[in-house]
C-alpha atoms as a PDB file:
ATOM      1  CA  UNK A   1     -78.254 -29.976-162.790  1.00  0.00           C
ATOM      2  CA  UNK A   2     -79.804 -33.300-163.761  1.00  0.00           C
ATOM      3  CA  UNK A   3     -83.167 -32.113-162.472  1.00  0.00           C
ATOM      4  CA  UNK A   4     -82.926 -28.867-164.442  1.00  0.00           C
ATOM      5  CA  UNK A   5     -81.980 -30.774-167.590  1.00  0.00           C
ATOM      6  CA  UNK A   6     -84.984 -33.055-167.236  1.00  0.00           C
ATOM      7  CA  UNK A   7     -87.286 -30.092-166.611  1.00  0.00           C
ATOM      8  CA  UNK A   8     -86.004 -28.027-169.527  1.00  0.00           C
ATOM      9  CA  UNK A   9     -85.794 -30.835-172.060  1.00  0.00           C
ATOM     10  CA  UNK A  10     -89.067 -32.436-170.912  1.00  0.00           C
ATOM     11  CA  UNK A  11     -87.380 -35.849-170.815  1.00  0.00           C
ATOM     12  CA  UNK A  12     -89.398 -36.812-167.729  1.00  0.00           C
ATOM     13  CA  UNK A  13     -92.623 -38.449-168.828  1.00  0.00           C
ATOM     14  CA  UNK A  14     -93.967 -39.276-165.371  1.00  0.00           C
ATOM     15  CA  UNK A  15     -96.201 -36.339-164.269  1.00  0.00           C
ATOM     16  CA  UNK A  16     -95.800 -37.331-160.627  1.00  0.00           C
ATOM     17  CA  UNK A  17     -92.032 -37.157-160.881  1.00  0.00           C
ATOM     18  CA  UNK A  18     -92.213 -33.825-162.648  1.00  0.00           C
ATOM     19  CA  UNK A  19     -94.438 -32.352-159.913  1.00  0.00           C
ATOM     20  CA  UNK A  20     -91.991 -33.568-157.265  1.00  0.00           C
ATOM     21  CA  UNK A  21     -89.102 -31.899-159.067  1.00  0.00           C
ATOM     22  CA  UNK A  22     -91.145 -28.747-159.481  1.00  0.00           C
ATOM     23  CA  UNK A  23     -92.033 -28.760-155.775  1.00  0.00           C
ATOM     24  CA  UNK A  24     -88.352 -28.983-154.827  1.00  0.00           C
ATOM     25  CA  UNK A  25     -87.472 -26.062-157.097  1.00  0.00           C
ATOM     26  CA  UNK A  26     -90.402 -23.968-155.862  1.00  0.00           C
ATOM     27  CA  UNK A  27     -89.489 -24.708-152.247  1.00  0.00           C
ATOM     28  CA  UNK A  28     -85.890 -23.632-152.836  1.00  0.00           C
ATOM     29  CA  UNK A  29     -87.010 -20.411-154.480  1.00  0.00           C
ATOM     30  CA  UNK A  30     -89.368 -19.655-151.599  1.00  0.00           C
ATOM     31  CA  UNK A  31     -86.601 -20.295-149.064  1.00  0.00           C
ATOM     32  CA  UNK A  32     -84.232 -17.981-150.922  1.00  0.00           C
ATOM     33  CA  UNK A  33     -86.876 -15.265-151.114  1.00  0.00           C
ATOM     34  CA  UNK A  34     -87.661 -15.685-147.406  1.00  0.00           C
ATOM     35  CA  UNK A  35     -83.979 -15.434-146.437  1.00  0.00           C
ATOM     36  CA  UNK A  36     -83.524 -12.356-148.584  1.00  0.00           C
ATOM     37  CA  UNK A  37     -86.594 -10.746-147.003  1.00  0.00           C
ATOM     38  CA  UNK A  38     -85.339 -11.602-143.508  1.00  0.00           C
ATOM     39  CA  UNK A  39     -81.919 -10.079-144.237  1.00  0.00           C
ATOM     40  CA  UNK A  40     -83.580  -6.938-145.582  1.00  0.00           C
ATOM     41  CA  UNK A  41     -85.835  -6.606-142.512  1.00  0.00           C
ATOM     42  CA  UNK A  42     -82.921  -7.192-140.145  1.00  0.00           C
ATOM     43  CA  UNK A  43     -80.895  -4.517-141.911  1.00  0.00           C
ATOM     44  CA  UNK A  44     -83.746  -2.009-141.671  1.00  0.00           C
ATOM     45  CA  UNK A  45     -84.342  -2.898-138.009  1.00  0.00           C
ATOM     46  CA  UNK A  46     -80.645  -2.481-137.251  1.00  0.00           C
ATOM     47  CA  UNK A  47     -80.639   0.933-138.884  1.00  0.00           C
ATOM     48  CA  UNK A  48     -83.689   1.979-136.841  1.00  0.00           C
ATOM     49  CA  UNK A  49     -82.140   0.827-133.569  1.00  0.00           C
ATOM     50  CA  UNK A  50     -78.862   2.517-134.437  1.00  0.00           C
ATOM     51  CA  UNK A  51     -80.602   5.786-135.283  1.00  0.00           C
ATOM     52  CA  UNK A  52     -82.653   5.675-132.070  1.00  0.00           C
ATOM     53  CA  UNK A  53     -79.645   4.847-129.859  1.00  0.00           C
ATOM     54  CA  UNK A  54     -77.337   7.427-131.452  1.00  0.00           C
ATOM     55  CA  UNK A  55     -80.055  10.059-131.128  1.00  0.00           C
ATOM     56  CA  UNK A  56     -79.476  10.076-127.368  1.00  0.00           C
ATOM     57  CA  UNK A  57     -75.707  10.078-127.726  1.00  0.00           C
ATOM     58  CA  UNK A  58     -73.857  13.219-126.712  1.00  0.00           C
ATOM     59  CA  UNK A  59     -71.072  14.781-128.708  1.00  0.00           C
ATOM     60  CA  UNK A  60     -68.131  12.987-127.127  1.00  0.00           C
ATOM     61  CA  UNK A  61     -64.958  12.824-129.117  1.00  0.00           C
ATOM     62  CA  UNK A  62     -61.866  11.046-127.873  1.00  0.00           C
ATOM     63  CA  UNK A  63     -58.403  10.628-129.328  1.00  0.00           C
ATOM     64  CA  UNK A  64     -56.088   7.624-128.980  1.00  0.00           C
ATOM     65  CA  UNK A  65     -54.318   7.929-125.652  1.00  0.00           C
ATOM     66  CA  UNK A  66     -57.146   9.795-123.870  1.00  0.00           C
ATOM     67  CA  UNK A  67     -58.254   8.530-120.456  1.00  0.00           C
ATOM     68  CA  UNK A  68     -61.943   7.738-120.044  1.00  0.00           C
ATOM     69  CA  UNK A  69     -64.342   6.262-117.468  1.00  0.00           C
ATOM     70  CA  UNK A  70     -66.614   3.389-118.540  1.00  0.00           C
ATOM     71  CA  UNK A  71     -70.110   2.706-117.192  1.00  0.00           C
ATOM     72  CA  UNK A  72     -69.833  -0.931-116.069  1.00  0.00           C
ATOM     73  CA  UNK A  73     -71.755  -3.229-113.687  1.00  0.00           C
ATOM     74  CA  UNK A  74     -70.768  -3.081-110.028  1.00  0.00           C
ATOM     75  CA  UNK A  75     -68.842  -5.937-108.427  1.00  0.00           C
ATOM     76  CA  UNK A  76     -71.649  -6.614-105.931  1.00  0.00           C
ATOM     77  CA  UNK A  77     -74.673  -6.381-108.234  1.00  0.00           C
ATOM     78  CA  UNK A  78     -74.544  -6.906-111.994  1.00  0.00           C
ATOM     79  CA  UNK A  79     -77.827  -5.020-112.375  1.00  0.00           C
ATOM     80  CA  UNK A  80     -76.334  -1.804-110.964  1.00  0.00           C
ATOM     81  CA  UNK A  81     -73.935   0.364-112.955  1.00  0.00           C
ATOM     82  CA  UNK A  82     -71.076   2.593-111.878  1.00  0.00           C
ATOM     83  CA  UNK A  83     -68.235   4.536-113.522  1.00  0.00           C
ATOM     84  CA  UNK A  84     -64.968   2.604-113.490  1.00  0.00           C
ATOM     85  CA  UNK A  85     -61.528   3.473-114.724  1.00  0.00           C
ATOM     86  CA  UNK A  86     -59.597   5.235-115.948  1.00  0.00           C
ATOM     87  CA  UNK A  87     -58.923   3.303-119.159  1.00  0.00           C
ATOM     88  CA  UNK A  88     -57.000   4.298-122.288  1.00  0.00           C
ATOM     89  CA  UNK A  89     -58.617   4.934-125.667  1.00  0.00           C
ATOM     90  CA  UNK A  90     -56.940   2.870-128.404  1.00  0.00           C
ATOM     91  CA  UNK A  91     -58.816   3.991-131.515  1.00  0.00           C
ATOM     92  CA  UNK A  92     -62.128   5.149-132.935  1.00  0.00           C
ATOM     93  CA  UNK A  93     -63.895   2.239-134.622  1.00  0.00           C
ATOM     94  CA  UNK A  94     -67.125   3.887-135.694  1.00  0.00           C
ATOM     95  CA  UNK A  95     -69.225   6.995-135.682  1.00  0.00           C
ATOM     96  CA  UNK A  96     -69.878   6.719-131.928  1.00  0.00           C
ATOM     97  CA  UNK A  97     -67.797   3.718-130.817  1.00  0.00           C
ATOM     98  CA  UNK A  98     -64.269   3.416-129.502  1.00  0.00           C
ATOM     99  CA  UNK A  99     -61.797   0.669-128.790  1.00  0.00           C
ATOM    100  CA  UNK A 100     -60.711   0.811-125.133  1.00  0.00           C
ATOM    101  CA  UNK A 101     -57.818  -0.920-123.400  1.00  0.00           C
ATOM    102  CA  UNK A 102     -59.485  -2.687-120.438  1.00  0.00           C
ATOM    103  CA  UNK A 103     -56.903  -4.457-118.309  1.00  0.00           C
ATOM    104  CA  UNK A 104     -54.776  -5.329-121.318  1.00  0.00           C
ATOM    105  CA  UNK A 105     -57.680  -6.371-123.576  1.00  0.00           C
ATOM    106  CA  UNK A 106     -59.131  -4.322-126.427  1.00  0.00           C
ATOM    107  CA  UNK A 107     -62.917  -3.900-126.062  1.00  0.00           C
ATOM    108  CA  UNK A 108     -65.363  -1.699-127.956  1.00  0.00           C
ATOM    109  CA  UNK A 109     -67.778   0.673-126.188  1.00  0.00           C
ATOM    110  CA  UNK A 110     -70.389   3.149-127.367  1.00  0.00           C
ATOM    111  CA  UNK A 111     -69.836   6.826-126.548  1.00  0.00           C
ATOM    112  CA  UNK A 112     -72.907   6.738-124.279  1.00  0.00           C
ATOM    113  CA  UNK A 113     -70.941   4.498-121.913  1.00  0.00           C
ATOM    114  CA  UNK A 114     -67.851   6.731-121.870  1.00  0.00           C
ATOM    115  CA  UNK A 115     -66.958  10.049-120.297  1.00  0.00           C
ATOM    116  CA  UNK A 116     -63.750  12.021-120.005  1.00  0.00           C
ATOM    117  CA  UNK A 117     -61.532  11.267-117.022  1.00  0.00           C
ATOM    118  CA  UNK A 118     -60.068  14.370-115.365  1.00  0.00           C
ATOM    119  CA  UNK A 119     -56.868  13.221-113.717  1.00  0.00           C
ATOM    120  CA  UNK A 120     -55.632  14.480-110.369  1.00  0.00           C
ATOM    121  CA  UNK A 121     -52.017  15.587-110.367  1.00  0.00           C
ATOM    122  CA  UNK A 122     -49.774  15.600-107.335  1.00  0.00           C
ATOM    123  CA  UNK A 123     -48.783  18.988-105.962  1.00  0.00           C
ATOM    124  CA  UNK A 124     -45.367  20.023-104.728  1.00  0.00           C
ATOM    125  CA  UNK A 125     -47.020  21.649-101.715  1.00  0.00           C
ATOM    126  CA  UNK A 126     -46.902  19.372 -98.660  1.00  0.00           C
ATOM    127  CA  UNK A 127     -50.332  18.340 -97.377  1.00  0.00           C
ATOM    128  CA  UNK A 128     -52.264  19.675-100.358  1.00  0.00           C
ATOM    129  CA  UNK A 129     -53.750  18.232-103.508  1.00  0.00           C
ATOM    130  CA  UNK A 130     -54.283  20.061-106.797  1.00  0.00           C
ATOM    131  CA  UNK A 131     -57.215  19.072-108.982  1.00  0.00           C
ATOM    132  CA  UNK A 132     -56.252  19.198-112.639  1.00  0.00           C
ATOM    133  CA  UNK A 133     -58.834  20.779-114.945  1.00  0.00           C
ATOM    134  CA  UNK A 134     -59.586  20.869-118.623  1.00  0.00           C
ATOM    135  CA  UNK A 135     -57.582  23.071-120.981  1.00  0.00           C
ATOM    136  CA  UNK A 136     -60.095  25.925-120.756  1.00  0.00           C
ATOM    137  CA  UNK A 137     -60.007  25.891-116.963  1.00  0.00           C
ATOM    138  CA  UNK A 138     -56.221  25.622-116.757  1.00  0.00           C
ATOM    139  CA  UNK A 139     -55.938  28.925-118.604  1.00  0.00           C
ATOM    140  CA  UNK A 140     -57.964  30.576-115.824  1.00  0.00           C
ATOM    141  CA  UNK A 141     -56.773  29.161-112.505  1.00  0.00           C
ATOM    142  CA  UNK A 142     -56.439  26.102-110.305  1.00  0.00           C
ATOM    143  CA  UNK A 143     -57.240  25.447-106.655  1.00  0.00           C
ATOM    144  CA  UNK A 144     -55.033  24.102-103.887  1.00  0.00           C
ATOM    145  CA  UNK A 145     -57.099  21.838-101.680  1.00  0.00           C
ATOM    146  CA  UNK A 146     -56.415  20.386 -98.255  1.00  0.00           C
ATOM    147  CA  UNK A 147     -55.470  16.719 -98.293  1.00  0.00           C
ATOM    148  CA  UNK A 148     -58.397  14.449 -97.488  1.00  0.00           C
ATOM    149  CA  UNK A 149     -58.439  11.968 -94.654  1.00  0.00           C
ATOM    150  CA  UNK A 150     -56.956   8.579 -95.388  1.00  0.00           C
ATOM    151  CA  UNK A 151     -59.999   6.573 -94.232  1.00  0.00           C
ATOM    152  CA  UNK A 152     -62.356   7.963 -96.867  1.00  0.00           C
ATOM    153  CA  UNK A 153     -63.558   5.892 -99.810  1.00  0.00           C
ATOM    154  CA  UNK A 154     -65.418   8.616-101.753  1.00  0.00           C
ATOM    155  CA  UNK A 155     -64.313  12.062-102.869  1.00  0.00           C
ATOM    156  CA  UNK A 156     -65.283  14.909-105.190  1.00  0.00           C
ATOM    157  CA  UNK A 157     -64.166  12.857-108.182  1.00  0.00           C
ATOM    158  CA  UNK A 158     -67.113  10.481-107.549  1.00  0.00           C
ATOM    159  CA  UNK A 159     -69.703  13.241-107.999  1.00  0.00           C
ATOM    160  CA  UNK A 160     -71.832  12.589-111.101  1.00  0.00           C
ATOM    161  CA  UNK A 161     -72.337  15.689-113.276  1.00  0.00           C
ATOM    162  CA  UNK A 162     -75.276  15.573-115.675  1.00  0.00           C
ATOM    163  CA  UNK A 163     -74.082  15.199-119.272  1.00  0.00           C
ATOM    164  CA  UNK A 164     -76.916  17.431-120.495  1.00  0.00           C
ATOM    165  CA  UNK A 165     -75.216  20.512-119.051  1.00  0.00           C
ATOM    166  CA  UNK A 166     -73.390  22.750-121.500  1.00  0.00           C
ATOM    167  CA  UNK A 167     -69.603  22.943-121.626  1.00  0.00           C
ATOM    168  CA  UNK A 168     -69.497  26.182-119.660  1.00  0.00           C
ATOM    169  CA  UNK A 169     -72.030  24.924-117.116  1.00  0.00           C
ATOM    170  CA  UNK A 170     -70.130  21.668-116.660  1.00  0.00           C
ATOM    171  CA  UNK A 171     -66.868  23.559-116.070  1.00  0.00           C
ATOM    172  CA  UNK A 172     -68.604  25.796-113.540  1.00  0.00           C
ATOM    173  CA  UNK A 173     -69.922  22.780-111.624  1.00  0.00           C
ATOM    174  CA  UNK A 174     -66.478  21.154-111.608  1.00  0.00           C
ATOM    175  CA  UNK A 175     -64.978  24.421-110.367  1.00  0.00           C
ATOM    176  CA  UNK A 176     -67.414  24.446-107.437  1.00  0.00           C
ATOM    177  CA  UNK A 177     -66.685  20.786-106.689  1.00  0.00           C
ATOM    178  CA  UNK A 178     -62.956  21.518-106.663  1.00  0.00           C
ATOM    179  CA  UNK A 179     -63.461  24.436-104.290  1.00  0.00           C
ATOM    180  CA  UNK A 180     -65.475  22.450-101.742  1.00  0.00           C
ATOM    181  CA  UNK A 181     -63.815  19.058-102.055  1.00  0.00           C
ATOM    182  CA  UNK A 182     -63.185  18.987 -98.289  1.00  0.00           C
ATOM    183  CA  UNK A 183     -66.901  18.362 -97.659  1.00  0.00           C
ATOM    184  CA  UNK A 184     -67.486  16.057-100.652  1.00  0.00           C
ATOM    185  CA  UNK A 185     -66.415  12.924 -98.808  1.00  0.00           C
ATOM    186  CA  UNK A 186     -67.967   9.956 -97.025  1.00  0.00           C
ATOM    187  CA  UNK A 187     -66.155  10.923 -93.803  1.00  0.00           C
ATOM    188  CA  UNK A 188     -68.679  12.807 -91.612  1.00  0.00           C
ATOM    189  CA  UNK A 189     -67.725  16.274 -90.437  1.00  0.00           C
ATOM    190  CA  UNK A 190     -69.177  18.453 -87.670  1.00  0.00           C
ATOM    191  CA  UNK A 191     -71.084  21.694 -87.938  1.00  0.00           C
ATOM    192  CA  UNK A 192     -70.316  24.642 -85.651  1.00  0.00           C
ATOM    193  CA  UNK A 193     -73.498  26.543 -86.523  1.00  0.00           C
ATOM    194  CA  UNK A 194     -75.711  24.971 -83.853  1.00  0.00           C
ATOM    195  CA  UNK A 195     -76.029  22.197 -81.281  1.00  0.00           C
ATOM    196  CA  UNK A 196     -78.876  19.785 -80.674  1.00  0.00           C
ATOM    197  CA  UNK A 197     -80.592  19.823 -77.276  1.00  0.00           C
ATOM    198  CA  UNK A 198     -83.101  17.314 -75.888  1.00  0.00           C
ATOM    199  CA  UNK A 199     -85.796  18.637 -73.543  1.00  0.00           C
ATOM    200  CA  UNK A 200     -87.865  16.128 -71.564  1.00  0.00           C
ATOM    201  CA  UNK A 201     -91.216  16.332 -69.822  1.00  0.00           C
ATOM    202  CA  UNK A 202     -89.828  14.513 -66.780  1.00  0.00           C
ATOM    203  CA  UNK A 203     -86.580  14.474 -64.815  1.00  0.00           C
ATOM    204  CA  UNK A 204     -86.891  10.763 -64.105  1.00  0.00           C
ATOM    205  CA  UNK A 205     -84.131   8.860 -65.961  1.00  0.00           C
ATOM    206  CA  UNK A 206     -85.386   6.643 -68.770  1.00  0.00           C
ATOM    207  CA  UNK A 207     -83.987   3.127 -68.560  1.00  0.00           C
ATOM    208  CA  UNK A 208     -84.353   0.095 -70.800  1.00  0.00           C
ATOM    209  CA  UNK A 209     -82.745  -3.317 -70.582  1.00  0.00           C
ATOM    210  CA  UNK A 210     -80.221  -4.129 -73.302  1.00  0.00           C
ATOM    211  CA  UNK A 211     -81.343  -6.526 -75.992  1.00  0.00           C
ATOM    212  CA  UNK A 212     -79.459  -9.846 -76.200  1.00  0.00           C
ATOM    213  CA  UNK A 213     -76.804  -9.778 -78.928  1.00  0.00           C
ATOM    214  CA  UNK A 214     -76.074 -13.063 -80.773  1.00  0.00           C
ATOM    215  CA  UNK A 215     -72.529 -14.347 -80.453  1.00  0.00           C
ATOM    216  CA  UNK A 216     -72.067 -14.063 -84.205  1.00  0.00           C
ATOM    217  CA  UNK A 217     -72.751 -10.308 -84.025  1.00  0.00           C
ATOM    218  CA  UNK A 218     -70.789  -9.349 -80.932  1.00  0.00           C
ATOM    219  CA  UNK A 219     -67.542  -8.794 -82.834  1.00  0.00           C
ATOM    220  CA  UNK A 220     -69.385  -6.553 -85.308  1.00  0.00           C
ATOM    221  CA  UNK A 221     -70.937  -4.629 -82.424  1.00  0.00           C
ATOM    222  CA  UNK A 222     -67.587  -4.053 -80.731  1.00  0.00           C
ATOM    223  CA  UNK A 223     -66.017  -3.034 -84.038  1.00  0.00           C
ATOM    224  CA  UNK A 224     -68.740  -0.440 -84.697  1.00  0.00           C
ATOM    225  CA  UNK A 225     -68.330   0.994 -81.195  1.00  0.00           C
ATOM    226  CA  UNK A 226     -64.562   1.222 -81.660  1.00  0.00           C
ATOM    227  CA  UNK A 227     -64.962   3.020 -84.997  1.00  0.00           C
ATOM    228  CA  UNK A 228     -67.374   5.571 -83.531  1.00  0.00           C
ATOM    229  CA  UNK A 229     -65.034   6.238 -80.601  1.00  0.00           C
ATOM    230  CA  UNK A 230     -62.086   6.708 -82.977  1.00  0.00           C
ATOM    231  CA  UNK A 231     -64.135   9.134 -85.092  1.00  0.00           C
ATOM    232  CA  UNK A 232     -65.188  11.096 -82.022  1.00  0.00           C
ATOM    233  CA  UNK A 233     -68.945  10.705 -82.490  1.00  0.00           C
ATOM    234  CA  UNK A 234     -69.416   8.905 -79.171  1.00  0.00           C
ATOM    235  CA  UNK A 235     -67.567   8.849 -75.842  1.00  0.00           C
ATOM    236  CA  UNK A 236     -67.697   6.688 -72.688  1.00  0.00           C
ATOM    237  CA  UNK A 237     -70.530   7.604 -70.324  1.00  0.00           C
ATOM    238  CA  UNK A 238     -71.843   6.749 -66.835  1.00  0.00           C
ATOM    239  CA  UNK A 239     -75.275   8.296 -67.406  1.00  0.00           C
ATOM    240  CA  UNK A 240     -78.359   7.027 -65.496  1.00  0.00           C
ATOM    241  CA  UNK A 241     -80.175   6.859 -68.838  1.00  0.00           C
ATOM    242  CA  UNK A 242     -79.937   3.734 -70.989  1.00  0.00           C
ATOM    243  CA  UNK A 243     -81.329   2.575 -74.343  1.00  0.00           C
ATOM    244  CA  UNK A 244     -80.780  -0.799 -76.035  1.00  0.00           C
ATOM    245  CA  UNK A 245     -78.665  -1.318 -79.138  1.00  0.00           C
ATOM    246  CA  UNK A 246     -80.056  -2.960 -82.275  1.00  0.00           C
ATOM    247  CA  UNK A 247     -77.982  -4.322 -85.182  1.00  0.00           C
ATOM    248  CA  UNK A 248     -80.002  -4.136 -88.402  1.00  0.00           C
ATOM    249  CA  UNK A 249     -78.709  -6.088 -91.449  1.00  0.00           C
ATOM    250  CA  UNK A 250     -78.142  -4.026 -94.599  1.00  0.00           C
ATOM    251  CA  UNK A 251     -78.598  -5.259 -98.192  1.00  0.00           C
ATOM    252  CA  UNK A 252     -74.813  -5.506 -98.694  1.00  0.00           C
ATOM    253  CA  UNK A 253     -74.483  -7.969 -95.796  1.00  0.00           C
ATOM    254  CA  UNK A 254     -73.054  -5.510 -93.240  1.00  0.00           C
ATOM    255  CA  UNK A 255     -74.802  -4.461 -90.035  1.00  0.00           C
ATOM    256  CA  UNK A 256     -76.302  -1.046 -89.300  1.00  0.00           C
ATOM    257  CA  UNK A 257     -75.730   0.135 -85.716  1.00  0.00           C
ATOM    258  CA  UNK A 258     -78.998   1.516 -84.274  1.00  0.00           C
ATOM    259  CA  UNK A 259     -80.254   2.497 -80.824  1.00  0.00           C
ATOM    260  CA  UNK A 260     -83.876   2.053 -79.708  1.00  0.00           C
ATOM    261  CA  UNK A 261     -84.850   5.480 -78.321  1.00  0.00           C
ATOM    262  CA  UNK A 262     -88.602   4.925 -78.386  1.00  0.00           C
ATOM    263  CA  UNK A 263     -88.997   5.259 -74.609  1.00  0.00           C
ATOM    264  CA  UNK A 264     -86.973   8.459 -74.618  1.00  0.00           C
ATOM    265  CA  UNK A 265     -88.958   9.838 -77.567  1.00  0.00           C
ATOM    266  CA  UNK A 266     -92.228   9.434 -75.632  1.00  0.00           C
ATOM    267  CA  UNK A 267     -91.112  11.989 -73.017  1.00  0.00           C
ATOM    268  CA  UNK A 268     -89.285  14.320 -75.413  1.00  0.00           C
ATOM    269  CA  UNK A 269     -90.666  17.806 -76.048  1.00  0.00           C
ATOM    270  CA  UNK A 270     -90.701  18.675 -79.737  1.00  0.00           C
ATOM    271  CA  UNK A 271     -90.747  22.132 -81.232  1.00  0.00           C
ATOM    272  CA  UNK A 272     -93.882  22.883 -83.193  1.00  0.00           C
ATOM    273  CA  UNK A 273     -92.005  23.806 -86.344  1.00  0.00           C
ATOM    274  CA  UNK A 274     -94.289  23.922 -89.403  1.00  0.00           C
ATOM    275  CA  UNK A 275     -93.044  21.927 -92.373  1.00  0.00           C
ATOM    276  CA  UNK A 276     -93.973  22.233 -96.010  1.00  0.00           C
ATOM    277  CA  UNK A 277     -95.924  19.470 -97.655  1.00  0.00           C
ATOM    278  CA  UNK A 278     -94.607  17.623-100.677  1.00  0.00           C
ATOM    279  CA  UNK A 279     -97.196  19.329-102.897  1.00  0.00           C
ATOM    280  CA  UNK A 280     -96.001  22.788-101.836  1.00  0.00           C
ATOM    281  CA  UNK A 281     -92.360  21.894-102.453  1.00  0.00           C
ATOM    282  CA  UNK A 282     -93.052  20.498-105.935  1.00  0.00           C
ATOM    283  CA  UNK A 283     -95.125  23.545-106.866  1.00  0.00           C
ATOM    284  CA  UNK A 284     -92.173  25.798-106.016  1.00  0.00           C
ATOM    285  CA  UNK A 285     -89.906  23.678-108.213  1.00  0.00           C
ATOM    286  CA  UNK A 286     -92.258  23.694-111.207  1.00  0.00           C
ATOM    287  CA  UNK A 287     -90.266  26.288-113.187  1.00  0.00           C
ATOM    288  CA  UNK A 288     -86.806  24.976-112.294  1.00  0.00           C
ATOM    289  CA  UNK A 289     -84.680  23.093-114.824  1.00  0.00           C
ATOM    290  CA  UNK A 290     -81.653  21.755-112.948  1.00  0.00           C
ATOM    291  CA  UNK A 291     -81.688  19.767-109.726  1.00  0.00           C
ATOM    292  CA  UNK A 292     -78.871  18.546-107.475  1.00  0.00           C
ATOM    293  CA  UNK A 293     -79.115  15.558-105.188  1.00  0.00           C
ATOM    294  CA  UNK A 294     -77.068  15.868-101.988  1.00  0.00           C
ATOM    295  CA  UNK A 295     -76.818  13.030 -99.491  1.00  0.00           C
ATOM    296  CA  UNK A 296     -75.335  13.920 -96.099  1.00  0.00           C
ATOM    297  CA  UNK A 297     -72.964  11.261 -94.790  1.00  0.00           C
ATOM    298  CA  UNK A 298     -74.321  10.122 -91.415  1.00  0.00           C
ATOM    299  CA  UNK A 299     -76.148  13.417 -90.961  1.00  0.00           C
ATOM    300  CA  UNK A 300     -76.999  12.807 -87.286  1.00  0.00           C
ATOM    301  CA  UNK A 301     -73.310  12.485 -86.468  1.00  0.00           C
ATOM    302  CA  UNK A 302     -72.531  15.923 -87.877  1.00  0.00           C
ATOM    303  CA  UNK A 303     -74.588  17.855 -85.292  1.00  0.00           C
ATOM    304  CA  UNK A 304     -73.025  17.968 -81.824  1.00  0.00           C
ATOM    305  CA  UNK A 305     -75.218  17.455 -78.752  1.00  0.00           C
ATOM    306  CA  UNK A 306     -75.340  19.845 -75.809  1.00  0.00           C
ATOM    307  CA  UNK A 307     -73.851  18.678 -72.520  1.00  0.00           C
ATOM    308  CA  UNK A 308     -77.317  18.190 -70.989  1.00  0.00           C
ATOM    309  CA  UNK A 309     -78.385  16.065 -73.957  1.00  0.00           C
ATOM    310  CA  UNK A 310     -75.243  13.922 -73.945  1.00  0.00           C
ATOM    311  CA  UNK A 311     -76.083  12.420 -70.546  1.00  0.00           C
ATOM    312  CA  UNK A 312     -79.432  11.272 -71.949  1.00  0.00           C
ATOM    313  CA  UNK A 313     -78.031   9.500 -75.020  1.00  0.00           C
ATOM    314  CA  UNK A 314     -75.493   6.971 -73.729  1.00  0.00           C
ATOM    315  CA  UNK A 315     -74.897   3.644 -75.464  1.00  0.00           C
END
């Protein structure tokens, strides 16, 4: 105020002092203008980002009390995402944001990170499970499904359905998943359509010395063998053929049980079955719109070997 008084009343005779005062006032004005411009630019940038992000958002409306799944980082790798839940919706806090109860704490999430959780109700029928559906599907019918094995860690509820499908298409996909939930599991099954046979160019048994197994891996090796015996994918054998076992480390720290069959492969007769090239396959898919990715759980275990082939594939 003293500076303003001196400037307005011209009571300061020293030109140098006056220029200093003027510099301070000019600097303050420039700082205020710069801050105002920065706030304006930040507001416009925020509106642009919001418009761009909400443009990809799907029409997902939830009510307080609804159960939802949240796309969160995995426990093993923070750079990978997976659906976790279910969690309860507390309230809607914005146009596309919701307050979710996550382990007793209220956290806000965008609708792009949420999807409806379809609960699984218990059935009164012994040994069966009933998949609960949405209101539209409940008016039509429901399916009774055989109970899944207890040693599975994945089921039909873990199948990811593309959010870009329409409501009717999404219900149709879920109906198919509910119908074939017995095969949508990480527990390998066994096909009865065919059996795999191995034909060799020689009758001389193929033998290979076993590779040395480190002491630190022997327990893992025995555990893998026990699991395969319990699952019925291998059985004890006294075959004259032998191939060494290899334990290959996986990214998650566990060991992959492999067998080195290279010597056996050199004398194996292969069928000259023509296969399509990648270019031919992609050209056939050029007019298609929807694609499904199916990963067979331990696919080699699901095809039984013939009796003649079993004696050639001992551990």
